Amino acid sequence: MKSSIKQFAVIGLGRFGRSVCEELCSAGAEVLAIDINEERVKGVSSIAANAIVANCTNEETAQELKLEEYDMVMVAIGSDVNASILTTLVVKELGAKNVWVKANDKFHAKILQKIGADHVILPERDMGIRVARKMLDRRVFDFHDIGSGLAISEIVIALKNMGKKLGDLSLCKDPDMKVLAIKRGPEIIDSPEYDTTLEMGDILFIVGPQDIMAHKIKSM
C-alpha cells in the first residue's frame, strides 16, 4: 500500500532547488534530493529523506531512481541549460507523472514546454520557498463579483486534495455551487464530471453565492 505522505524528487540543489527542498521537507513531505555536486548533496542530507549524488542526464542512472513513482519531480538545475533540457526529457520519457522545471529565460522555457514539462517556472531570485508553498498549499485567487450575490473564483488544488474525486470536495456537494471548468496545464476540462480525479496544480473555476463559496473554500 502506497504511503499517504506525498513524495517529491528535487534534481539540482543550488539556491533555488535547496530552498524548494527545505520547504517541502518542513511541510512533512518525503523528498529525494539529487545533485551531481557532492557538497550540495551533503548540505541537504540532514533534512531530506534521501539525498544522493547522481547525474540524471544519464538515462540508466535516472531509471534506477524510479522517478516515475514520485508524485512530482522538480528539475531545478541552474545555469547548465543543456543539462536542464536533457534531464527533463529523460525524466519525462521514463514516465514521471508531473514534472516542474526551473527555466532561466523565455527561450529556455519554450524548449521545456515543447519537450513535455508539465509546469515551467521563471523565478526571480530566492523564489524557491514561494514555489514550494504553491506546490503544497491551497491557493485561492480573488473573487470576481458578477452581481446578484454571485461570484466566480479560481482555486488551485493543493497537496491535501490531490488524488481525490471532484465530487469529494465539500463545495461540490452544495447544489448552489457549480464547477465550470478545470484548467490542467494547457488543457481545459469543460463542465467536468464529479468522478474526475484531481491533480495537484489543477485550477477549478467555480461559480456560486459568494458568502457560501467563501465558507466552503475555508473548509477545504
Protein backbone atom coordinates (compact mmCIF):
# COMPACT_ATOMS: atom_id res chain seq x y z
CA MET A 1 0.00 0.00 0.00
CA LYS A 2 1.40 3.39 -1.03
CA SER A 3 2.16 5.84 1.76
CA SER A 4 -0.22 8.77 2.18
CA ILE A 5 2.82 11.05 2.52
CA LYS A 6 3.45 12.80 -0.77
CA GLN A 7 6.79 12.08 -2.40
CA PHE A 8 8.84 14.63 -4.31
CA ALA A 9 12.16 14.43 -6.14
CA VAL A 10 14.24 17.61 -6.47
CA ILE A 11 17.01 17.48 -9.09
CA GLY A 12 19.52 20.30 -8.70
CA LEU A 13 20.38 21.67 -5.27
CA GLY A 14 21.54 25.20 -5.96
CA ARG A 15 19.95 28.12 -4.10
CA PHE A 16 16.57 27.58 -5.74
CA GLY A 17 16.49 23.78 -5.53
CA ARG A 18 17.71 23.72 -1.94
CA SER A 19 15.04 26.21 -0.79
CA VAL A 20 12.33 24.13 -2.51
CA CYS A 21 13.72 21.02 -0.86
CA GLU A 22 13.82 22.64 2.59
CA GLU A 23 10.27 23.96 2.35
CA LEU A 24 8.86 20.62 1.18
CA CYS A 25 10.65 18.78 4.00
CA SER A 26 9.46 21.25 6.62
CA ALA A 27 5.89 20.65 5.45
CA GLY A 28 6.25 16.92 6.07
CA ALA A 29 6.73 15.72 2.51
CA GLU A 30 9.14 12.92 1.65
CA VAL A 31 11.90 14.29 -0.57
CA LEU A 32 14.58 12.68 -2.71
CA ALA A 33 17.29 15.32 -3.23
CA ILE A 34 19.64 14.84 -6.19
CA ASP A 35 22.68 16.73 -7.49
CA ILE A 36 25.96 15.92 -9.24
CA ASN A 37 27.79 18.03 -6.63
CA GLU A 38 28.61 16.00 -3.51
CA GLU A 39 28.88 19.05 -1.24
CA ARG A 40 25.38 20.22 -2.19
CA VAL A 41 24.01 16.77 -1.51
CA LYS A 42 25.68 16.71 1.91
CA GLY A 43 24.10 20.08 2.63
CA VAL A 44 20.55 18.66 2.49
CA SER A 45 21.26 15.12 3.73
CA SER A 46 20.11 16.00 7.24
CA ILE A 47 16.64 17.12 6.13
CA ALA A 48 15.77 15.11 3.02
CA ALA A 49 14.51 11.54 3.30
CA ASN A 50 17.15 10.59 0.73
CA ALA A 51 19.97 12.66 -0.74
CA ILE A 52 22.14 11.19 -3.47
CA VAL A 53 24.85 12.18 -5.92
CA ALA A 54 23.63 11.35 -9.43
CA ASN A 55 23.64 12.66 -12.98
CA CYS A 56 20.06 12.49 -14.26
CA THR A 57 21.05 13.32 -17.82
CA ASN A 58 22.12 9.68 -17.92
CA GLU A 59 19.07 7.55 -18.72
CA GLU A 60 20.30 4.44 -16.92
CA THR A 61 21.06 6.43 -13.77
CA ALA A 62 17.68 8.16 -13.81
CA GLN A 63 15.91 4.86 -14.42
CA GLU A 64 17.46 3.38 -11.27
CA LEU A 65 15.95 6.21 -9.22
CA LYS A 66 12.39 5.17 -10.23
CA LEU A 67 11.29 8.79 -10.56
CA GLU A 68 8.02 7.69 -12.15
CA GLU A 69 6.90 6.57 -8.68
CA TYR A 70 7.07 10.10 -7.26
CA ASP A 71 4.09 12.45 -7.08
CA MET A 72 6.16 15.26 -8.55
CA VAL A 73 9.66 15.81 -9.90
CA MET A 74 11.24 19.27 -9.76
CA VAL A 75 14.12 19.86 -12.18
CA ALA A 76 15.90 22.81 -10.57
CA ILE A 77 19.19 22.70 -12.45
CA GLY A 78 20.69 26.18 -12.61
CA SER A 79 22.93 27.66 -15.29
CA ASP A 80 23.53 24.48 -17.31
CA VAL A 81 20.66 24.82 -19.79
CA ASN A 82 21.64 21.70 -21.74
CA ALA A 83 21.61 19.57 -18.58
CA SER A 84 18.23 21.02 -17.61
CA ILE A 85 16.70 20.22 -21.00
CA LEU A 86 18.21 16.73 -21.23
CA THR A 87 17.22 15.86 -17.66
CA THR A 88 13.64 16.98 -18.31
CA LEU A 89 13.50 14.90 -21.49
CA VAL A 90 14.91 11.81 -19.77
CA VAL A 91 12.61 12.10 -16.77
CA LYS A 92 9.51 12.55 -18.94
CA GLU A 93 10.43 9.63 -21.21
CA LEU A 94 10.86 7.42 -18.14
CA GLY A 95 7.24 8.12 -17.21
CA ALA A 96 7.39 10.75 -14.45
CA LYS A 97 3.80 11.90 -13.88
CA ASN A 98 4.23 15.57 -13.01
CA VAL A 99 7.45 17.37 -13.89
CA TRP A 100 8.06 21.00 -12.89
CA VAL A 101 11.15 22.71 -14.29
CA LYS A 102 13.02 25.91 -13.47
CA ALA A 103 13.84 27.91 -16.60
CA ASN A 104 16.48 30.62 -16.91
CA ASP A 105 14.71 32.64 -19.60
CA LYS A 106 11.77 32.59 -22.00
CA PHE A 107 13.71 30.75 -24.72
CA HIS A 108 14.67 28.02 -22.25
CA ALA A 109 11.04 27.88 -21.09
CA LYS A 110 9.73 27.39 -24.64
CA ILE A 111 12.04 24.44 -25.19
CA LEU A 112 10.98 22.86 -21.90
CA GLN A 113 7.32 23.22 -22.84
CA LYS A 114 7.92 21.62 -26.23
CA ILE A 115 9.60 18.56 -24.72
CA GLY A 116 6.75 17.97 -22.28
CA ALA A 117 7.44 19.77 -19.00
CA ASP A 118 4.16 19.90 -17.07
CA HIS A 119 4.89 23.27 -15.47
CA VAL A 120 7.71 25.72 -16.23
CA ILE A 121 8.84 28.28 -13.67
CA LEU A 122 10.65 31.52 -14.49
CA PRO A 123 11.66 32.51 -10.96
CA GLU A 124 13.17 35.66 -9.62
CA ARG A 125 16.00 35.32 -7.14
CA ASP A 126 15.07 33.42 -3.96
CA MET A 127 11.67 32.31 -5.33
CA GLY A 128 12.17 28.71 -4.23
CA ILE A 129 10.22 28.98 -0.97
CA ARG A 130 7.25 30.63 -2.65
CA VAL A 131 7.20 27.98 -5.40
CA ALA A 132 7.30 25.17 -2.83
CA ARG A 133 4.35 26.73 -0.99
CA LYS A 134 2.44 26.89 -4.26
CA MET A 135 3.16 23.17 -4.73
CA LEU A 136 1.94 22.35 -1.22
CA ASP A 137 -0.76 24.80 -0.24
CA ARG A 138 -4.28 25.61 -1.35
CA ARG A 139 -4.20 28.88 -3.24
CA VAL A 140 -7.38 30.88 -3.84
CA PHE A 141 -7.46 33.70 -6.35
CA ASP A 142 -9.70 36.75 -5.95
CA PHE A 143 -13.46 36.51 -6.11
CA HIS A 144 -14.95 38.09 -9.22
CA ASP A 145 -18.32 39.63 -8.38
CA ILE A 146 -20.85 39.03 -11.17
CA GLY A 147 -23.86 40.57 -9.41
CA SER A 148 -26.89 39.28 -7.50
CA GLY A 149 -24.61 37.97 -4.75
CA LEU A 150 -22.86 35.60 -7.14
CA ALA A 151 -19.15 35.32 -7.79
CA ILE A 152 -16.65 33.34 -9.79
CA SER A 153 -13.47 32.14 -8.12
CA GLU A 154 -10.36 30.22 -9.12
CA ILE A 155 -8.96 27.65 -6.70
CA VAL A 156 -5.69 25.75 -7.04
CA ILE A 157 -5.84 22.14 -5.92
CA ALA A 158 -3.25 21.52 -3.24
CA LEU A 159 -1.37 18.55 -1.85
CA LYS A 160 -4.12 17.51 0.59
CA ASN A 161 -6.75 17.19 -2.16
CA MET A 162 -4.52 15.55 -4.76
CA GLY A 163 -5.98 12.21 -5.89
CA LYS A 164 -9.49 12.95 -4.64
CA LYS A 165 -12.51 12.95 -6.92
CA LEU A 166 -14.02 16.33 -7.75
CA GLY A 167 -17.27 15.23 -6.10
CA ASP A 168 -15.42 14.59 -2.83
CA LEU A 169 -14.87 18.32 -2.29
CA SER A 170 -17.37 19.86 0.12
CA LEU A 171 -18.10 22.77 -2.21
CA CYS A 172 -19.23 20.32 -4.92
CA LYS A 173 -21.81 18.82 -2.57
CA ASP A 174 -23.69 22.13 -2.36
CA PRO A 175 -26.38 22.42 -5.08
CA ASP A 176 -25.81 26.18 -5.30
CA MET A 177 -22.18 25.73 -6.36
CA LYS A 178 -21.07 24.77 -9.86
CA VAL A 179 -17.64 23.89 -11.22
CA LEU A 180 -17.48 25.43 -14.68
CA ALA A 181 -14.14 24.03 -15.76
CA ILE A 182 -10.79 22.66 -14.67
CA LYS A 183 -7.54 24.05 -16.11
CA ARG A 184 -4.82 21.40 -16.13
CA GLY A 185 -1.67 22.80 -17.67
CA PRO A 186 -2.65 23.92 -21.19
CA GLU A 187 -5.80 21.73 -21.14
CA ILE A 188 -9.29 23.00 -20.26
CA ILE A 189 -11.76 20.39 -19.00
CA ASP A 190 -15.17 21.94 -19.64
CA SER A 191 -18.09 21.01 -17.32
CA PRO A 192 -16.06 18.28 -15.58
CA GLU A 193 -17.72 15.14 -14.24
CA TYR A 194 -17.72 14.68 -10.47
CA ASP A 195 -15.72 11.45 -10.81
CA THR A 196 -12.80 13.43 -12.31
CA THR A 197 -9.61 12.69 -10.33
CA LEU A 198 -7.92 15.88 -9.17
CA GLU A 199 -4.24 16.59 -9.71
CA MET A 200 -2.13 18.98 -7.69
CA GLY A 201 -1.97 22.31 -9.51
CA ASP A 202 -5.38 21.92 -11.16
CA ILE A 203 -7.26 25.23 -11.22
CA LEU A 204 -11.01 25.00 -10.58
CA PHE A 205 -13.29 27.71 -11.96
CA ILE A 206 -16.30 27.86 -9.64
CA VAL A 207 -19.48 29.97 -9.63
CA GLY A 208 -21.99 30.35 -6.82
CA PRO A 209 -23.18 32.60 -3.96
CA GLN A 210 -20.14 34.47 -2.71
CA ASP A 211 -20.87 34.01 1.00
CA ILE A 212 -21.40 30.25 0.65
CA MET A 213 -18.36 29.94 -1.58
CA ALA A 214 -16.10 31.68 0.93
CA HIS A 215 -17.26 29.35 3.72
CA LYS A 216 -16.83 26.22 1.60
CA ILE A 217 -13.34 27.19 0.45
CA LYS A 218 -12.19 27.78 4.04
CA SER A 219 -13.31 24.26 4.97
CA MET A 220 -11.36 22.58 2.15
